[in-house]
Amino acid sequence: MGRTYLVEEGIGQYLTELSTKVKPYVTGLLIGQCSPQRDYVLRAVRTPPKEQQQEESVGPPKLASLDEEWITTHATQVSRMLPGGLLVLGVFMVATPELAKDGQNALRKLIFSVEKSLSKRRLWKLAEEEVSDRAALQICSATKKVVCRTYDVQDPKSSAKPADWKYQSALTASWLALGCTVNVNIHIPLLATSPSHDLEKNTKNGLNRWSKQIEDSVFLINGQIKDEDTELLEGHKKLRGNTQPSAQFSDVKVLTQLCQGTSARSTATVQVCSGSINLRGAVKCRAYIHNNKPKVKEAIQALKRDIINTLSDRCEILFEDLILNERPQKKNFEREYHVLPQRLFVPVAGSSVMLSDYKFGDEAAGEIQERFVEMLDQPVQAEEIHIAEDISTVDICPVTDNPSDTQQAQLTKTTLLLKLQQNMGLVVAAAVAVLASIFSFNYFSD
């Protein structure tokens, strides 16, 4: 038996309206949430048209002109605007009857392309027990017939499986929300051997290490540690028959472990660096979870991924902005300060869920509104835009005094061995460092 997709009722009307504008087809993304029992579709978003498409629409209809790169780029942009718990669930196509035969093959190709593009950016991996099926929805613009199939994106040879597509009113009117503020102070060294001071690559490597700390953190939900296999709503009254958006909000505290376990052995290596990157600020994170007996582990996993994604995404946005503004590559770079884009939230009509985006300080509300229309096909009022946090910064610091080549060779050979010992239940950590006295090594400080 195939998967079941519960779909927000308004999506049916949206897809019907798209079918009246098809010339000869339109593609788009399905946004929602996976769960072990069923999947939930919150929104369908058409692919933004390219300007030159108007001129290319001459000749017989065909799917060979599908711009795969344009569609995957749209999926990347949309994924940044999704809070924890939401993801791109699949793709859809509304097409004329002449294209029906080739439609499913085109959708299959798009599903794997989109997943490949999105997985490259993630600093986390799908868990073994996670749902890896993605939906391919095909609608005939003439008959309005709906065909939904799924493909397992973890299996390149996956064949189509049938799936149920069921509309439901007020599907996300009372979803559960979790929120937290995470104080960030990440120090990332820039290795002297890194070519051209590759800031983006070094930053991603540093965030990768930081993301593992987030994965290992302890999460307190409303001040309590809850067993991950218990129901999130245990002890709470479920809202029944509620058609008005009304989220139950849980405040979460994130406790990051300061040291390794007592049995761990660690080796610290001293490396020659050309500078450092420091990320500082307090970031607002949010995740949403369905209200059909969700487990604590589902909610915490959604929030963990939002914490990791939101910092990674805004670093990507910053570097893209620097490239667009043609920031020169300096061999001997000077100290630089950059402001990370701030996070904002916008409500979804008829839902307790809010979508997300990022803005730089000089961006006007009108630019944000245009982006929501282009990326999510959703009009937004200026007063609905809620800036969630203060400014976070990126500080890029060079080394002022570079050691000589001889000293660099000595430094790269020097290691500090950290030995952890356990005595009567108390952990004693001792670090012994022996360095040559002919130079001093300056760890970067603010």
Protein backbone atom coordinates (compact mmCIF):
# COMPACT_ATOMS: atom_id res chain seq x y z
CA MET A 1 0.00 0.00 0.00
CA GLY A 2 1.33 3.44 -0.96
CA ARG A 3 1.70 6.55 1.17
CA THR A 4 -1.16 8.89 1.96
CA TYR A 5 -0.87 12.63 1.43
CA LEU A 6 -3.21 14.81 3.46
CA VAL A 7 -3.47 18.09 1.58
CA GLU A 8 -4.61 21.55 2.66
CA GLU A 9 -7.95 22.13 0.95
CA GLY A 10 -6.94 25.45 -0.61
CA ILE A 11 -4.25 23.71 -2.67
CA GLY A 12 -6.96 22.07 -4.78
CA GLN A 13 -8.29 25.47 -5.79
CA TYR A 14 -4.77 26.77 -6.43
CA LEU A 15 -3.97 23.89 -8.78
CA THR A 16 -7.31 24.30 -10.56
CA GLU A 17 -6.54 27.96 -11.19
CA LEU A 18 -3.12 27.04 -12.56
CA SER A 19 -4.72 24.54 -14.96
CA THR A 20 -6.63 27.36 -16.65
CA LYS A 21 -3.36 29.17 -17.40
CA VAL A 22 -1.39 26.20 -18.73
CA LYS A 23 0.48 26.83 -22.01
CA PRO A 24 1.25 23.93 -22.36
CA TYR A 25 2.41 23.01 -18.83
CA VAL A 26 3.42 24.46 -15.46
CA THR A 27 5.65 22.89 -12.81
CA GLY A 28 6.05 23.58 -9.11
CA LEU A 29 7.00 22.33 -5.66
CA LEU A 30 5.02 20.63 -2.91
CA ILE A 31 5.85 21.88 0.60
CA GLY A 32 4.94 20.05 3.77
CA GLN A 33 6.00 17.54 6.38
CA CYS A 34 6.77 13.82 6.46
CA SER A 35 5.70 11.56 9.28
CA PRO A 36 5.92 7.78 9.70
CA GLN A 37 2.17 7.32 9.12
CA ARG A 38 1.40 9.91 6.42
CA ASP A 39 2.64 13.11 4.81
CA TYR A 40 1.09 16.57 5.08
CA VAL A 41 1.07 19.04 2.19
CA LEU A 42 0.87 22.63 3.37
CA ARG A 43 1.47 24.50 0.10
CA ALA A 44 1.95 24.04 -3.62
CA VAL A 45 4.14 26.69 -5.28
CA ARG A 46 4.50 27.12 -9.03
CA THR A 47 7.93 27.57 -10.60
CA PRO A 48 8.53 31.28 -11.32
CA PRO A 49 8.43 31.94 -15.08
CA LYS A 50 11.62 33.04 -16.78
CA GLU A 51 11.47 36.20 -18.86
CA GLN A 52 12.60 34.49 -22.07
CA GLN A 53 9.91 31.80 -21.77
CA GLN A 54 7.43 34.18 -23.32
CA GLU A 55 9.43 34.24 -26.53
CA GLU A 56 10.22 30.52 -26.58
CA SER A 57 6.60 29.34 -26.45
CA VAL A 58 6.42 28.83 -30.23
CA GLY A 59 6.01 25.40 -31.83
CA PRO A 60 4.42 22.11 -30.69
CA PRO A 61 4.20 21.45 -26.96
CA LYS A 62 7.04 19.35 -25.52
CA LEU A 63 8.64 18.61 -22.17
CA ALA A 64 12.17 18.54 -23.55
CA SER A 65 12.34 22.29 -22.89
CA LEU A 66 11.93 21.77 -19.11
CA ASP A 67 14.61 23.89 -17.43
CA GLU A 68 15.86 21.49 -14.76
CA GLU A 69 18.45 23.90 -13.41
CA TRP A 70 15.89 26.71 -13.01
CA ILE A 71 13.52 24.40 -11.10
CA THR A 72 16.22 23.09 -8.75
CA THR A 73 17.43 26.66 -8.10
CA HIS A 74 13.87 27.59 -7.15
CA ALA A 75 13.75 24.59 -4.78
CA THR A 76 16.99 25.77 -3.13
CA GLN A 77 15.61 29.28 -2.61
CA VAL A 78 12.31 27.96 -1.24
CA SER A 79 14.03 25.55 1.17
CA ARG A 80 15.71 28.55 2.85
CA MET A 81 12.29 30.02 3.56
CA LEU A 82 11.01 26.94 5.40
CA PRO A 83 11.23 26.70 9.20
CA GLY A 84 12.11 23.46 10.94
CA GLY A 85 9.79 20.55 10.19
CA LEU A 86 8.90 21.72 6.68
CA LEU A 87 10.62 20.55 3.52
CA VAL A 88 10.16 20.15 -0.22
CA LEU A 89 7.99 17.02 -0.35
CA GLY A 90 7.99 16.65 -4.10
CA VAL A 91 7.12 18.27 -7.40
CA PHE A 92 3.95 18.73 -9.43
CA MET A 93 3.06 19.32 -13.04
CA VAL A 94 -0.16 20.58 -14.58
CA ALA A 95 -0.05 19.73 -18.29
CA THR A 96 -2.20 19.34 -21.38
CA PRO A 97 -3.38 15.81 -22.36
CA GLU A 98 -0.76 15.67 -25.15
CA LEU A 99 2.01 15.71 -22.55
CA ALA A 100 0.47 13.21 -20.15
CA LYS A 101 2.52 10.27 -21.44
CA ASP A 102 5.90 11.92 -20.83
CA GLY A 103 4.88 13.79 -17.69
CA GLN A 104 5.73 11.09 -15.14
CA ASN A 105 9.23 10.53 -16.56
CA ALA A 106 9.90 14.27 -16.39
CA LEU A 107 8.64 14.43 -12.79
CA ARG A 108 10.82 11.49 -11.76
CA LYS A 109 13.88 13.21 -13.16
CA LEU A 110 12.99 16.46 -11.38
CA ILE A 111 12.47 14.74 -8.02
CA PHE A 112 15.97 13.27 -8.02
CA SER A 113 17.54 16.51 -9.29
CA VAL A 114 15.85 18.57 -6.58
CA GLU A 115 16.84 16.12 -3.84
CA LYS A 116 20.45 16.01 -5.05
CA SER A 117 20.65 19.80 -5.04
CA LEU A 118 19.13 20.13 -1.56
CA SER A 119 21.19 17.32 0.01
CA LYS A 120 24.46 18.99 -1.07
CA ARG A 121 23.69 21.98 1.13
CA ARG A 122 22.63 20.10 4.25
CA LEU A 123 24.91 19.86 7.24
CA TRP A 124 22.87 16.90 8.49
CA LYS A 125 21.88 13.53 7.06
CA LEU A 126 18.56 11.75 6.82
CA ALA A 127 18.15 9.22 9.62
CA GLU A 128 17.81 5.57 8.63
CA GLU A 129 14.20 5.37 9.79
CA GLU A 130 13.20 8.60 8.06
CA VAL A 131 10.74 8.72 5.18
CA SER A 132 12.64 9.15 1.92
CA ASP A 133 9.68 8.93 -0.47
CA ARG A 134 8.95 12.08 -2.48
CA ALA A 135 5.77 12.84 -4.38
CA ALA A 136 5.28 13.29 -8.12
CA LEU A 137 1.88 14.86 -8.73
CA GLN A 138 0.50 15.07 -12.26
CA ILE A 139 -2.72 16.90 -13.16
CA CYS A 140 -4.40 16.99 -16.56
CA SER A 141 -5.41 20.55 -17.41
CA ALA A 142 -8.39 19.33 -19.45
CA THR A 143 -9.92 16.56 -17.33
CA LYS A 144 -8.48 17.74 -13.95
CA LYS A 145 -7.52 14.11 -13.26
CA VAL A 146 -4.95 13.81 -10.44
CA VAL A 147 -2.27 11.10 -10.45
CA CYS A 148 0.07 10.92 -7.44
CA ARG A 149 3.06 8.60 -7.27
CA THR A 150 6.14 8.43 -5.04
CA TYR A 151 9.81 7.66 -5.58
CA ASP A 152 12.40 6.73 -2.98
CA VAL A 153 15.11 9.38 -3.37
CA GLN A 154 17.60 7.17 -1.48
CA ASP A 155 17.35 4.58 -4.26
CA PRO A 156 18.42 5.81 -7.74
CA LYS A 157 16.69 2.80 -9.30
CA SER A 158 13.43 3.44 -7.46
CA SER A 159 10.27 2.75 -9.42
CA ALA A 160 6.96 4.59 -9.05
CA LYS A 161 4.58 3.61 -6.26
CA PRO A 162 0.94 4.73 -6.12
CA ALA A 163 -0.09 7.21 -3.41
CA ASP A 164 -3.38 8.62 -2.11
CA TRP A 165 -3.99 12.36 -2.48
CA LYS A 166 -6.68 13.52 0.00
CA TYR A 167 -7.83 17.09 0.65
CA GLN A 168 -8.65 18.18 4.20
CA SER A 169 -9.86 21.50 5.57
CA ALA A 170 -7.97 23.36 8.32
CA LEU A 171 -5.18 20.79 8.09
CA THR A 172 -2.54 22.96 9.80
CA ALA A 173 -4.81 25.24 11.85
CA SER A 174 -3.53 23.86 15.16
CA TRP A 175 -0.07 22.52 14.50
CA LEU A 176 2.45 22.62 17.32
CA ALA A 177 5.24 25.21 17.36
CA LEU A 178 8.60 25.02 19.12
CA GLY A 179 10.90 27.99 19.45
CA CYS A 180 14.29 28.80 20.93
CA THR A 181 17.03 31.41 20.89
CA VAL A 182 20.53 30.10 20.34
CA ASN A 183 23.52 32.23 21.28
CA VAL A 184 26.21 31.75 18.67
CA ASN A 185 29.91 32.42 19.17
CA ILE A 186 31.77 30.29 16.64
CA HIS A 187 35.50 30.69 16.04
CA ILE A 188 36.70 29.27 12.71
CA PRO A 189 40.44 29.28 11.90
CA LEU A 190 41.57 30.02 8.33
CA LEU A 191 44.42 27.66 7.51
CA ALA A 192 47.48 29.21 5.87
CA THR A 193 47.43 26.36 3.35
CA SER A 194 43.89 27.24 2.21
CA PRO A 195 44.10 28.56 -1.38
CA SER A 196 43.01 32.17 -1.93
CA HIS A 197 41.65 32.39 1.62
CA ASP A 198 38.56 30.37 0.68
CA LEU A 199 36.23 31.93 3.24
CA GLU A 200 33.11 30.07 2.17
CA LYS A 201 34.73 26.63 2.30
CA ASN A 202 36.36 27.31 5.68
CA THR A 203 33.09 28.65 7.07
CA LYS A 204 31.19 25.55 5.96
CA ASN A 205 33.81 23.29 7.56
CA GLY A 206 33.54 25.27 10.80
CA LEU A 207 29.74 25.09 10.74
CA ASN A 208 29.99 21.35 10.15
CA ARG A 209 31.88 20.95 13.41
CA TRP A 210 29.42 23.25 15.21
CA SER A 211 26.43 21.32 13.83
CA LYS A 212 27.70 18.16 15.54
CA GLN A 213 27.62 20.05 18.86
CA ILE A 214 23.99 20.98 18.20
CA GLU A 215 23.17 17.35 17.38
CA ASP A 216 24.64 16.29 20.73
CA SER A 217 22.95 19.06 22.76
CA VAL A 218 20.30 18.54 25.41
CA PHE A 219 16.88 20.09 24.69
CA LEU A 220 14.57 21.20 27.50
CA ILE A 221 10.95 21.52 26.37
CA ASN A 222 9.11 23.95 28.65
CA GLY A 223 11.85 23.40 31.22
CA GLN A 224 11.70 19.60 31.13
CA ILE A 225 13.76 16.80 29.64
CA LYS A 226 11.32 14.43 27.95
CA ASP A 227 11.88 10.88 26.79
CA GLU A 228 12.19 11.01 23.00
CA ASP A 229 9.73 8.16 22.45
CA THR A 230 6.92 9.78 24.44
CA GLU A 231 4.20 11.85 22.82
CA LEU A 232 4.92 15.56 22.67
CA LEU A 233 1.36 16.35 23.74
CA GLU A 234 1.31 13.98 26.70
CA GLY A 235 -0.52 15.75 29.48
CA HIS A 236 -1.95 18.40 27.14
CA LYS A 237 -5.49 18.70 25.89
CA LYS A 238 -5.82 18.34 22.13
CA LEU A 239 -7.75 21.10 20.42
CA ARG A 240 -10.68 19.48 18.62
CA GLY A 241 -12.88 21.02 16.00
CA ASN A 242 -10.72 24.14 15.89
CA THR A 243 -10.69 25.76 12.45
CA GLN A 244 -9.02 29.00 13.51
CA PRO A 245 -5.21 29.18 13.45
CA SER A 246 -4.13 28.51 17.03
CA ALA A 247 -0.67 27.00 17.57
CA GLN A 248 0.37 25.45 20.88
CA PHE A 249 3.80 26.94 21.51
CA SER A 250 6.61 25.23 23.42
CA ASP A 251 9.63 27.16 24.63
CA VAL A 252 12.86 25.21 24.23
CA LYS A 253 16.24 25.69 25.90
CA VAL A 254 19.33 24.28 24.19
CA LEU A 255 22.12 23.07 26.48
CA THR A 256 25.36 22.54 24.59
CA GLN A 257 27.86 20.12 26.10
CA LEU A 258 31.08 21.87 27.10
CA CYS A 259 33.30 18.79 27.16
CA GLN A 260 33.50 15.27 25.84
CA GLY A 261 32.48 12.16 27.70
CA THR A 262 34.74 10.68 30.38
CA SER A 263 35.93 7.83 28.16
CA ALA A 264 36.86 10.03 25.19
CA ARG A 265 40.45 10.62 24.15
CA SER A 266 41.26 13.71 22.12
CA THR A 267 44.27 15.05 20.24
CA ALA A 268 44.55 18.76 19.52
CA THR A 269 46.79 19.84 16.64
CA VAL A 270 48.39 23.27 16.39
CA GLN A 271 48.12 24.52 12.80
CA VAL A 272 49.45 27.60 11.06
CA CYS A 273 46.59 29.94 10.19
CA SER A 274 46.27 33.08 8.13
CA GLY A 275 43.37 34.44 10.13
CA SER A 276 40.01 33.54 11.62
CA ILE A 277 36.29 33.95 11.14
CA ASN A 278 34.07 34.70 14.14
CA LEU A 279 30.29 34.31 13.96
CA ARG A 280 28.44 36.02 16.80
CA GLY A 281 24.84 36.71 17.65
CA ALA A 282 21.59 35.31 18.97
CA VAL A 283 19.53 33.51 16.34
CA LYS A 284 15.82 32.77 16.56
CA CYS A 285 14.85 29.25 15.60
CA ARG A 286 11.44 27.73 15.09
CA ALA A 287 9.95 24.38 14.13
CA TYR A 288 6.44 23.10 13.49
CA ILE A 289 5.08 19.62 13.98
CA HIS A 290 1.79 17.95 13.05
CA ASN A 291 -0.76 17.37 15.82
CA ASN A 292 -1.40 13.67 15.17
CA LYS A 293 0.33 12.18 18.23
CA PRO A 294 3.80 13.51 17.39
CA LYS A 295 6.78 12.05 19.23
CA VAL A 296 9.23 14.18 21.19
CA LYS A 297 12.09 12.99 18.96
CA GLU A 298 10.27 14.26 15.84
CA ALA A 299 9.90 17.72 17.35
CA ILE A 300 13.49 17.94 18.62
CA GLN A 301 14.87 16.71 15.30
CA ALA A 302 12.89 19.40 13.46
CA LEU A 303 14.20 22.12 15.78
CA LYS A 304 17.81 20.86 15.59
CA ARG A 305 17.70 21.06 11.82
CA ASP A 306 16.26 24.56 11.90
CA ILE A 307 19.09 25.72 14.18
CA ILE A 308 21.69 24.27 11.82
CA ASN A 309 19.93 25.39 8.64
CA THR A 310 19.30 28.98 9.68
CA LEU A 311 22.95 29.75 10.36
CA SER A 312 24.20 27.84 7.32
CA ASP A 313 21.63 29.49 5.04
CA ARG A 314 22.39 33.03 6.10
CA CYS A 315 26.13 32.46 5.67
CA GLU A 316 25.39 31.23 2.14
CA ILE A 317 23.25 34.31 1.51
CA LEU A 318 26.03 36.59 2.78
CA PHE A 319 28.66 35.03 0.49
CA GLU A 320 26.28 35.19 -2.47
CA ASP A 321 25.73 38.87 -1.72
CA LEU A 322 29.49 39.47 -1.59
CA ILE A 323 29.92 37.76 -4.96
CA LEU A 324 27.07 39.75 -6.52
CA ASN A 325 28.67 42.93 -5.29
CA GLU A 326 31.98 41.78 -6.78
CA ARG A 327 33.96 41.81 -3.56
CA PRO A 328 37.64 41.66 -4.58
CA GLN A 329 39.74 38.70 -3.49
CA LYS A 330 42.65 40.05 -1.47
CA LYS A 331 45.76 37.96 -0.95
CA ASN A 332 46.67 39.88 2.19
CA PHE A 333 43.21 40.69 3.41
CA GLU A 334 42.36 43.25 6.04
CA ARG A 335 40.01 42.85 8.97
CA GLU A 336 36.40 42.92 7.81
CA TYR A 337 33.04 43.10 9.54
CA HIS A 338 29.88 41.85 7.85
CA VAL A 339 26.33 41.69 9.13
CA LEU A 340 24.46 38.42 8.66
CA PRO A 341 20.93 38.80 7.30
CA GLN A 342 18.24 38.91 9.99
CA ARG A 343 15.49 36.34 10.19
CA LEU A 344 11.85 37.26 9.73
CA PHE A 345 8.59 35.33 9.83
CA VAL A 346 5.37 35.69 7.85
CA PRO A 347 2.06 33.91 8.60
CA VAL A 348 0.38 31.50 6.20
CA ALA A 349 -3.32 32.27 5.71
CA GLY A 350 -5.59 29.80 7.51
CA SER A 351 -2.68 28.09 9.24
CA SER A 352 -0.81 28.30 12.53
CA VAL A 353 2.45 27.84 10.59
CA MET A 354 4.69 30.77 9.67
CA LEU A 355 7.17 30.87 6.80
CA SER A 356 10.61 32.39 7.08
CA ASP A 357 13.00 34.62 5.14
CA TYR A 358 16.10 36.75 5.65
CA LYS A 359 16.78 40.44 5.09
CA PHE A 360 19.81 42.68 5.08
CA GLY A 361 19.56 45.97 6.95
CA ASP A 362 19.14 48.06 3.81
CA GLU A 363 16.33 45.95 2.34
CA ALA A 364 12.90 47.57 2.26
CA ALA A 365 9.64 45.78 3.04
CA GLY A 366 8.70 46.02 -0.64
CA GLU A 367 11.67 43.84 -1.62
CA ILE A 368 10.64 41.17 0.88
CA GLN A 369 7.07 41.26 -0.40
CA GLU A 370 8.28 40.81 -3.99
CA ARG A 371 10.40 37.84 -2.95
CA PHE A 372 7.46 36.07 -1.29
CA VAL A 373 5.36 36.54 -4.43
CA GLU A 374 8.14 35.32 -6.71
CA MET A 375 9.37 32.38 -4.62
CA LEU A 376 6.23 31.24 -2.79
CA ASP A 377 3.48 32.80 -4.91
CA GLN A 378 2.13 34.38 -1.73
CA PRO A 379 1.17 38.04 -1.34
CA VAL A 380 2.33 39.49 1.99
CA GLN A 381 1.26 42.68 3.73
CA ALA A 382 4.06 44.87 5.11
CA GLU A 383 2.53 44.76 8.61
CA GLU A 384 2.67 40.92 8.56
CA ILE A 385 6.47 40.90 8.30
CA HIS A 386 7.89 40.18 11.75
CA ILE A 387 11.63 40.73 12.27
CA ALA A 388 12.49 38.11 14.88
CA GLU A 389 15.98 39.02 16.05
CA ASP A 390 18.77 41.53 16.47
CA ILE A 391 21.81 41.73 14.23
CA SER A 392 24.40 38.92 14.08
CA THR A 393 27.88 39.56 12.71
CA VAL A 394 30.75 37.93 10.87
CA ASP A 395 34.21 39.16 11.88
CA ILE A 396 37.04 38.14 9.53
CA CYS A 397 40.40 38.68 11.24
CA PRO A 398 43.84 38.36 9.67
CA VAL A 399 47.01 37.48 11.57
CA THR A 400 49.04 40.62 12.17
CA ASP A 401 52.40 38.94 12.65
CA ASN A 402 53.12 35.99 10.38
CA PRO A 403 55.74 33.53 11.65
CA SER A 404 58.71 32.73 9.46
CA ASP A 405 58.83 29.64 7.28
CA THR A 406 61.08 27.85 9.82
CA GLN A 407 58.68 28.61 12.66
CA GLN A 408 55.71 27.49 10.54
CA ALA A 409 57.40 24.14 9.91
CA GLN A 410 57.94 23.70 13.64
CA LEU A 411 54.36 24.65 14.46
CA THR A 412 52.81 22.16 12.09
CA LYS A 413 54.74 19.36 13.82
CA THR A 414 53.66 20.39 17.32
CA THR A 415 50.72 18.55 18.90
CA LEU A 416 49.01 18.85 22.24
CA LEU A 417 47.87 15.55 23.76
CA LEU A 418 44.86 15.88 26.01
CA LYS A 419 44.46 12.98 28.44
CA LEU A 420 41.21 12.38 30.25
CA GLN A 421 41.31 10.38 33.48
CA GLN A 422 38.49 9.25 35.70
CA ASN A 423 38.88 8.92 39.51
CA MET A 424 36.02 8.12 41.95
CA GLY A 425 33.42 9.42 39.53
CA LEU A 426 35.19 12.79 39.09
CA VAL A 427 36.67 13.73 35.73
CA VAL A 428 40.07 15.40 35.77
CA ALA A 429 41.30 16.80 32.45
CA ALA A 430 44.97 17.68 32.16
CA ALA A 431 46.56 19.30 29.15
CA VAL A 432 50.34 19.41 28.88
CA ALA A 433 51.91 21.56 26.18
CA VAL A 434 55.63 21.82 25.43
CA LEU A 435 56.52 24.49 22.86
CA ALA A 436 59.87 25.83 21.68
CA SER A 437 60.76 29.12 23.40
CA ILE A 438 62.08 30.77 20.26
CA PHE A 439 58.65 32.12 19.34
CA SER A 440 55.24 32.70 20.77
CA PHE A 441 52.03 31.62 19.07
CA ASN A 442 49.12 33.99 19.25
CA TYR A 443 45.66 32.41 19.30
CA PHE A 444 43.18 34.86 17.84
CA SER A 445 41.44 37.05 20.35
CA ASP A 446 38.96 39.84 19.94
